Amino acid sequence: RAGANKESAIRDVAERLGIPIPEVIAFGDDY
């Protein structure tokens, strides 16, 4: 679905857990 991507999920999870996005580190390899 439009907007159902990793970054949207991270924003939602971080907000619900009270963690500022600048305090998240992410690792990846693909598009």
ModelCIF file with pLDDT and N, C-alpha, C, O atoms, coordinates in Angstrom:
data_MODEL
#
_entry.id   MODEL 
#
_entity.id                         1 
_entity.type                       polymer 
_entity.pdbx_number_of_molecules   1 
#
_entity_poly.entity_id                      1 
_entity_poly.type                           'polypeptide(L)' 
_entity_poly.nstd_linkage                   no 
_entity_poly.nstd_monomer                   no 
_entity_poly.pdbx_seq_one_letter_code       RAGANKESAIRDVAERLGIPIPEVIAFGDDY 
_entity_poly.pdbx_seq_one_letter_code_can   RAGANKESAIRDVAERLGIPIPEVIAFGDDY 
_entity_poly.pdbx_strand_id                 A 
#
loop_
_entity_poly_seq.entity_id 
_entity_poly_seq.num 
_entity_poly_seq.mon_id 
_entity_poly_seq.hetero 
1 1  ARG n 
1 2  ALA n 
1 3  GLY n 
1 4  ALA n 
1 5  ASN n 
1 6  LYS n 
1 7  GLU n 
1 8  SER n 
1 9  ALA n 
1 10 ILE n 
1 11 ARG n 
1 12 ASP n 
1 13 VAL n 
1 14 ALA n 
1 15 GLU n 
1 16 ARG n 
1 17 LEU n 
1 18 GLY n 
1 19 ILE n 
1 20 PRO n 
1 21 ILE n 
1 22 PRO n 
1 23 GLU n 
1 24 VAL n 
1 25 ILE n 
1 26 ALA n 
1 27 PHE n 
1 28 GLY n 
1 29 ASP n 
1 30 ASP n 
1 31 TYR n 
#
_struct_asym.id          A 
_struct_asym.entity_id   1 
#
loop_
_ma_qa_metric.id 
_ma_qa_metric.mode 
_ma_qa_metric.name 
_ma_qa_metric.software_group_id 
_ma_qa_metric.type 
1 global pLDDT . pLDDT 
2 local  pLDDT . pLDDT 
#
_ma_qa_metric_global.metric_id      1 
_ma_qa_metric_global.metric_value   95.23 
_ma_qa_metric_global.model_id       1 
_ma_qa_metric_global.ordinal_id     1 
#
loop_
_ma_qa_metric_local.label_asym_id 
_ma_qa_metric_local.label_comp_id 
_ma_qa_metric_local.label_seq_id 
_ma_qa_metric_local.metric_id 
_ma_qa_metric_local.metric_value 
_ma_qa_metric_local.model_id 
_ma_qa_metric_local.ordinal_id 
A ARG 1  2 93.00 1 1  
A ALA 2  2 91.00 1 2  
A GLY 3  2 86.00 1 3  
A ALA 4  2 91.00 1 4  
A ASN 5  2 92.00 1 5  
A LYS 6  2 95.00 1 6  
A GLU 7  2 94.00 1 7  
A SER 8  2 94.00 1 8  
A ALA 9  2 95.00 1 9  
A ILE 10 2 97.00 1 10 
A ARG 11 2 96.00 1 11 
A ASP 12 2 95.00 1 12 
A VAL 13 2 96.00 1 13 
A ALA 14 2 96.00 1 14 
A GLU 15 2 96.00 1 15 
A ARG 16 2 94.00 1 16 
A LEU 17 2 96.00 1 17 
A GLY 18 2 97.00 1 18 
A ILE 19 2 97.00 1 19 
A PRO 20 2 97.00 1 20 
A ILE 21 2 97.00 1 21 
A PRO 22 2 97.00 1 22 
A GLU 23 2 98.00 1 23 
A VAL 24 2 98.00 1 24 
A ILE 25 2 98.00 1 25 
A ALA 26 2 98.00 1 26 
A PHE 27 2 98.00 1 27 
A GLY 28 2 97.00 1 28 
A ASP 29 2 97.00 1 29 
A ASP 30 2 94.00 1 30 
A TYR 31 2 92.00 1 31 
#
loop_
_atom_site.group_PDB 
_atom_site.id 
_atom_site.type_symbol 
_atom_site.label_atom_id 
_atom_site.label_alt_id 
_atom_site.label_comp_id 
_atom_site.label_asym_id 
_atom_site.label_entity_id 
_atom_site.label_seq_id 
_atom_site.pdbx_PDB_ins_code 
_atom_site.Cartn_x 
_atom_site.Cartn_y 
_atom_site.Cartn_z 
_atom_site.occupancy 
_atom_site.B_iso_or_equiv 
_atom_site.pdbx_formal_charge 
_atom_site.auth_seq_id 
_atom_site.auth_comp_id 
_atom_site.auth_asym_id 
_atom_site.auth_atom_id 
_atom_site.pdbx_PDB_model_num 
ATOM 1   N N  . ARG A 1 1  ? 0.845  -1.184 0.000  1.00 93.00 ? 1  ARG A N  1 
ATOM 2   C CA . ARG A 1 1  ? 0.000  0.000  0.000  1.00 93.00 ? 1  ARG A CA 1 
ATOM 3   C C  . ARG A 1 1  ? 0.886  1.241  0.000  1.00 93.00 ? 1  ARG A C  1 
ATOM 4   O O  . ARG A 1 1  ? 1.985  1.224  0.555  1.00 93.00 ? 1  ARG A O  1 
ATOM 5   N N  . ALA A 1 2  ? 0.412  2.308  -0.617 1.00 91.00 ? 2  ALA A N  1 
ATOM 6   C CA . ALA A 1 2  ? 1.178  3.551  -0.659 1.00 91.00 ? 2  ALA A CA 1 
ATOM 7   C C  . ALA A 1 2  ? 1.562  3.970  0.760  1.00 91.00 ? 2  ALA A C  1 
ATOM 8   O O  . ALA A 1 2  ? 0.714  4.038  1.649  1.00 91.00 ? 2  ALA A O  1 
ATOM 9   N N  . GLY A 1 3  ? 2.821  4.242  0.954  1.00 86.00 ? 3  GLY A N  1 
ATOM 10  C CA . GLY A 1 3  ? 3.308  4.668  2.261  1.00 86.00 ? 3  GLY A CA 1 
ATOM 11  C C  . GLY A 1 3  ? 3.670  3.537  3.195  1.00 86.00 ? 3  GLY A C  1 
ATOM 12  O O  . GLY A 1 3  ? 4.207  3.781  4.275  1.00 86.00 ? 3  GLY A O  1 
ATOM 13  N N  . ALA A 1 4  ? 3.389  2.295  2.804  1.00 91.00 ? 4  ALA A N  1 
ATOM 14  C CA . ALA A 1 4  ? 3.737  1.154  3.662  1.00 91.00 ? 4  ALA A CA 1 
ATOM 15  C C  . ALA A 1 4  ? 5.166  0.729  3.347  1.00 91.00 ? 4  ALA A C  1 
ATOM 16  O O  . ALA A 1 4  ? 5.397  -0.285 2.688  1.00 91.00 ? 4  ALA A O  1 
ATOM 17  N N  . ASN A 1 5  ? 6.112  1.516  3.827  1.00 92.00 ? 5  ASN A N  1 
ATOM 18  C CA . ASN A 1 5  ? 7.514  1.235  3.580  1.00 92.00 ? 5  ASN A CA 1 
ATOM 19  C C  . ASN A 1 5  ? 8.280  1.244  4.898  1.00 92.00 ? 5  ASN A C  1 
ATOM 20  O O  . ASN A 1 5  ? 7.709  1.517  5.953  1.00 92.00 ? 5  ASN A O  1 
ATOM 21  N N  . LYS A 1 6  ? 9.538  0.954  4.834  1.00 95.00 ? 6  LYS A N  1 
ATOM 22  C CA . LYS A 1 6  ? 10.326 0.838  6.061  1.00 95.00 ? 6  LYS A CA 1 
ATOM 23  C C  . LYS A 1 6  ? 10.391 2.151  6.826  1.00 95.00 ? 6  LYS A C  1 
ATOM 24  O O  . LYS A 1 6  ? 10.277 2.170  8.051  1.00 95.00 ? 6  LYS A O  1 
ATOM 25  N N  . GLU A 1 7  ? 10.577 3.253  6.094  1.00 94.00 ? 7  GLU A N  1 
ATOM 26  C CA . GLU A 1 7  ? 10.717 4.531  6.794  1.00 94.00 ? 7  GLU A CA 1 
ATOM 27  C C  . GLU A 1 7  ? 9.431  4.948  7.496  1.00 94.00 ? 7  GLU A C  1 
ATOM 28  O O  . GLU A 1 7  ? 9.485  5.502  8.594  1.00 94.00 ? 7  GLU A O  1 
ATOM 29  N N  . SER A 1 8  ? 8.275  4.694  6.885  1.00 94.00 ? 8  SER A N  1 
ATOM 30  C CA . SER A 1 8  ? 6.999  5.028  7.539  1.00 94.00 ? 8  SER A CA 1 
ATOM 31  C C  . SER A 1 8  ? 6.799  4.199  8.789  1.00 94.00 ? 8  SER A C  1 
ATOM 32  O O  . SER A 1 8  ? 6.343  4.705  9.814  1.00 94.00 ? 8  SER A O  1 
ATOM 33  N N  . ALA A 1 9  ? 7.144  2.913  8.704  1.00 95.00 ? 9  ALA A N  1 
ATOM 34  C CA . ALA A 1 9  ? 7.024  2.052  9.873  1.00 95.00 ? 9  ALA A CA 1 
ATOM 35  C C  . ALA A 1 9  ? 7.951  2.508  10.990 1.00 95.00 ? 9  ALA A C  1 
ATOM 36  O O  . ALA A 1 9  ? 7.570  2.501  12.161 1.00 95.00 ? 9  ALA A O  1 
ATOM 37  N N  . ILE A 1 10 ? 9.162  2.902  10.630 1.00 97.00 ? 10 ILE A N  1 
ATOM 38  C CA . ILE A 1 10 ? 10.120 3.364  11.642 1.00 97.00 ? 10 ILE A CA 1 
ATOM 39  C C  . ILE A 1 10 ? 9.601  4.629  12.325 1.00 97.00 ? 10 ILE A C  1 
ATOM 40  O O  . ILE A 1 10 ? 9.687  4.757  13.546 1.00 97.00 ? 10 ILE A O  1 
ATOM 41  N N  . ARG A 1 11 ? 9.066  5.560  11.540 1.00 96.00 ? 11 ARG A N  1 
ATOM 42  C CA . ARG A 1 11 ? 8.508  6.779  12.135 1.00 96.00 ? 11 ARG A CA 1 
ATOM 43  C C  . ARG A 1 11 ? 7.418  6.431  13.152 1.00 96.00 ? 11 ARG A C  1 
ATOM 44  O O  . ARG A 1 11 ? 7.390  6.969  14.259 1.00 96.00 ? 11 ARG A O  1 
ATOM 45  N N  . ASP A 1 12 ? 6.528  5.528  12.758 1.00 95.00 ? 12 ASP A N  1 
ATOM 46  C CA . ASP A 1 12 ? 5.415  5.151  13.626 1.00 95.00 ? 12 ASP A CA 1 
ATOM 47  C C  . ASP A 1 12 ? 5.913  4.457  14.891 1.00 95.00 ? 12 ASP A C  1 
ATOM 48  O O  . ASP A 1 12 ? 5.481  4.785  15.996 1.00 95.00 ? 12 ASP A O  1 
ATOM 49  N N  . VAL A 1 13 ? 6.814  3.509  14.728 1.00 96.00 ? 13 VAL A N  1 
ATOM 50  C CA . VAL A 1 13 ? 7.346  2.772  15.878 1.00 96.00 ? 13 VAL A CA 1 
ATOM 51  C C  . VAL A 1 13 ? 8.099  3.710  16.817 1.00 96.00 ? 13 VAL A C  1 
ATOM 52  O O  . VAL A 1 13 ? 7.909  3.659  18.032 1.00 96.00 ? 13 VAL A O  1 
ATOM 53  N N  . ALA A 1 14 ? 8.945  4.559  16.260 1.00 96.00 ? 14 ALA A N  1 
ATOM 54  C CA . ALA A 1 14 ? 9.728  5.476  17.096 1.00 96.00 ? 14 ALA A CA 1 
ATOM 55  C C  . ALA A 1 14 ? 8.823  6.419  17.884 1.00 96.00 ? 14 ALA A C  1 
ATOM 56  O O  . ALA A 1 14 ? 9.061  6.682  19.063 1.00 96.00 ? 14 ALA A O  1 
ATOM 57  N N  . GLU A 1 15 ? 7.781  6.924  17.217 1.00 96.00 ? 15 GLU A N  1 
ATOM 58  C CA . GLU A 1 15 ? 6.855  7.820  17.908 1.00 96.00 ? 15 GLU A CA 1 
ATOM 59  C C  . GLU A 1 15 ? 6.150  7.101  19.048 1.00 96.00 ? 15 GLU A C  1 
ATOM 60  O O  . GLU A 1 15 ? 6.030  7.639  20.149 1.00 96.00 ? 15 GLU A O  1 
ATOM 61  N N  . ARG A 1 16 ? 5.683  5.881  18.783 1.00 94.00 ? 16 ARG A N  1 
ATOM 62  C CA . ARG A 1 16 ? 4.956  5.131  19.807 1.00 94.00 ? 16 ARG A CA 1 
ATOM 63  C C  . ARG A 1 16 ? 5.849  4.751  20.985 1.00 94.00 ? 16 ARG A C  1 
ATOM 64  O O  . ARG A 1 16 ? 5.376  4.635  22.115 1.00 94.00 ? 16 ARG A O  1 
ATOM 65  N N  . LEU A 1 17 ? 7.139  4.560  20.719 1.00 96.00 ? 17 LEU A N  1 
ATOM 66  C CA . LEU A 1 17 ? 8.066  4.180  21.779 1.00 96.00 ? 17 LEU A CA 1 
ATOM 67  C C  . LEU A 1 17 ? 8.752  5.388  22.414 1.00 96.00 ? 17 LEU A C  1 
ATOM 68  O O  . LEU A 1 17 ? 9.533  5.242  23.354 1.00 96.00 ? 17 LEU A O  1 
ATOM 69  N N  . GLY A 1 18 ? 8.457  6.571  21.900 1.00 97.00 ? 18 GLY A N  1 
ATOM 70  C CA . GLY A 1 18 ? 9.038  7.785  22.468 1.00 97.00 ? 18 GLY A CA 1 
ATOM 71  C C  . GLY A 1 18 ? 10.516 7.941  22.181 1.00 97.00 ? 18 GLY A C  1 
ATOM 72  O O  . GLY A 1 18 ? 11.260 8.480  23.001 1.00 97.00 ? 18 GLY A O  1 
ATOM 73  N N  . ILE A 1 19 ? 10.947 7.471  21.021 1.00 97.00 ? 19 ILE A N  1 
ATOM 74  C CA . ILE A 1 19 ? 12.358 7.556  20.646 1.00 97.00 ? 19 ILE A CA 1 
ATOM 75  C C  . ILE A 1 19 ? 12.508 8.540  19.492 1.00 97.00 ? 19 ILE A C  1 
ATOM 76  O O  . ILE A 1 19 ? 11.927 8.314  18.430 1.00 97.00 ? 19 ILE A O  1 
ATOM 77  N N  . PRO A 1 20 ? 13.257 9.612  19.656 1.00 97.00 ? 20 PRO A N  1 
ATOM 78  C CA . PRO A 1 20 ? 13.468 10.555 18.553 1.00 97.00 ? 20 PRO A CA 1 
ATOM 79  C C  . PRO A 1 20 ? 14.179 9.884  17.381 1.00 97.00 ? 20 PRO A C  1 
ATOM 80  O O  . PRO A 1 20 ? 15.098 9.090  17.585 1.00 97.00 ? 20 PRO A O  1 
ATOM 81  N N  . ILE A 1 21 ? 13.764 10.193 16.174 1.00 97.00 ? 21 ILE A N  1 
ATOM 82  C CA . ILE A 1 21 ? 14.368 9.606  14.972 1.00 97.00 ? 21 ILE A CA 1 
ATOM 83  C C  . ILE A 1 21 ? 15.886 9.811  14.928 1.00 97.00 ? 21 ILE A C  1 
ATOM 84  O O  . ILE A 1 21 ? 16.596 8.907  14.488 1.00 97.00 ? 21 ILE A O  1 
ATOM 85  N N  . PRO A 1 22 ? 16.420 10.974 15.372 1.00 97.00 ? 22 PRO A N  1 
ATOM 86  C CA . PRO A 1 22 ? 17.879 11.129 15.354 1.00 97.00 ? 22 PRO A CA 1 
ATOM 87  C C  . PRO A 1 22 ? 18.609 10.122 16.248 1.00 97.00 ? 22 PRO A C  1 
ATOM 88  O O  . PRO A 1 22 ? 19.825 9.967  16.140 1.00 97.00 ? 22 PRO A O  1 
ATOM 89  N N  . GLU A 1 23 ? 17.866 9.434  17.136 1.00 98.00 ? 23 GLU A N  1 
ATOM 90  C CA . GLU A 1 23 ? 18.490 8.463  18.039 1.00 98.00 ? 23 GLU A CA 1 
ATOM 91  C C  . GLU A 1 23 ? 18.304 7.024  17.549 1.00 98.00 ? 23 GLU A C  1 
ATOM 92  O O  . GLU A 1 23 ? 18.458 6.068  18.309 1.00 98.00 ? 23 GLU A O  1 
ATOM 93  N N  . VAL A 1 24 ? 17.969 6.895  16.256 1.00 98.00 ? 24 VAL A N  1 
ATOM 94  C CA . VAL A 1 24 ? 17.810 5.579  15.629 1.00 98.00 ? 24 VAL A CA 1 
ATOM 95  C C  . VAL A 1 24 ? 18.928 5.383  14.611 1.00 98.00 ? 24 VAL A C  1 
ATOM 96  O O  . VAL A 1 24 ? 19.232 6.289  13.836 1.00 98.00 ? 24 VAL A O  1 
ATOM 97  N N  . ILE A 1 25 ? 19.537 4.204  14.613 1.00 98.00 ? 25 ILE A N  1 
ATOM 98  C CA . ILE A 1 25 ? 20.523 3.841  13.604 1.00 98.00 ? 25 ILE A CA 1 
ATOM 99  C C  . ILE A 1 25 ? 19.946 2.701  12.777 1.00 98.00 ? 25 ILE A C  1 
ATOM 100 O O  . ILE A 1 25 ? 19.341 1.779  13.323 1.00 98.00 ? 25 ILE A O  1 
ATOM 101 N N  . ALA A 1 26 ? 20.131 2.762  11.459 1.00 98.00 ? 26 ALA A N  1 
ATOM 102 C CA . ALA A 1 26 ? 19.579 1.738  10.568 1.00 98.00 ? 26 ALA A CA 1 
ATOM 103 C C  . ALA A 1 26 ? 20.666 1.219  9.632  1.00 98.00 ? 26 ALA A C  1 
ATOM 104 O O  . ALA A 1 26 ? 21.549 1.966  9.211  1.00 98.00 ? 26 ALA A O  1 
ATOM 105 N N  . PHE A 1 27 ? 20.586 -0.076 9.313  1.00 98.00 ? 27 PHE A N  1 
ATOM 106 C CA . PHE A 1 27 ? 21.553 -0.742 8.451  1.00 98.00 ? 27 PHE A CA 1 
ATOM 107 C C  . PHE A 1 27 ? 20.835 -1.379 7.266  1.00 98.00 ? 27 PHE A C  1 
ATOM 108 O O  . PHE A 1 27 ? 19.773 -1.978 7.436  1.00 98.00 ? 27 PHE A O  1 
ATOM 109 N N  . GLY A 1 28 ? 21.406 -1.255 6.064  1.00 97.00 ? 28 GLY A N  1 
ATOM 110 C CA . GLY A 1 28 ? 20.766 -1.852 4.899  1.00 97.00 ? 28 GLY A CA 1 
ATOM 111 C C  . GLY A 1 28 ? 21.715 -2.055 3.744  1.00 97.00 ? 28 GLY A C  1 
ATOM 112 O O  . GLY A 1 28 ? 22.889 -1.690 3.800  1.00 97.00 ? 28 GLY A O  1 
ATOM 113 N N  . ASP A 1 29 ? 21.162 -2.664 2.668  1.00 97.00 ? 29 ASP A N  1 
ATOM 114 C CA . ASP A 1 29 ? 21.980 -2.952 1.494  1.00 97.00 ? 29 ASP A CA 1 
ATOM 115 C C  . ASP A 1 29 ? 21.242 -2.753 0.170  1.00 97.00 ? 29 ASP A C  1 
ATOM 116 O O  . ASP A 1 29 ? 21.883 -2.639 -0.874 1.00 97.00 ? 29 ASP A O  1 
ATOM 117 N N  . ASP A 1 30 ? 19.886 -2.709 0.192  1.00 94.00 ? 30 ASP A N  1 
ATOM 118 C CA . ASP A 1 30 ? 19.127 -2.763 -1.051 1.00 94.00 ? 30 ASP A CA 1 
ATOM 119 C C  . ASP A 1 30 ? 18.326 -1.481 -1.264 1.00 94.00 ? 30 ASP A C  1 
ATOM 120 O O  . ASP A 1 30 ? 18.265 -0.620 -0.387 1.00 94.00 ? 30 ASP A O  1 
ATOM 121 N N  . TYR A 1 31 ? 17.709 -1.368 -2.454 1.00 92.00 ? 31 TYR A N  1 
ATOM 122 C CA . TYR A 1 31 ? 16.993 -0.150 -2.822 1.00 92.00 ? 31 TYR A CA 1 
ATOM 123 C C  . TYR A 1 31 ? 15.904 0.214  -1.815 1.00 92.00 ? 31 TYR A C  1 
ATOM 124 O O  . TYR A 1 31 ? 15.212 1.217  -1.989 1.00 92.00 ? 31 TYR A O  1 
#
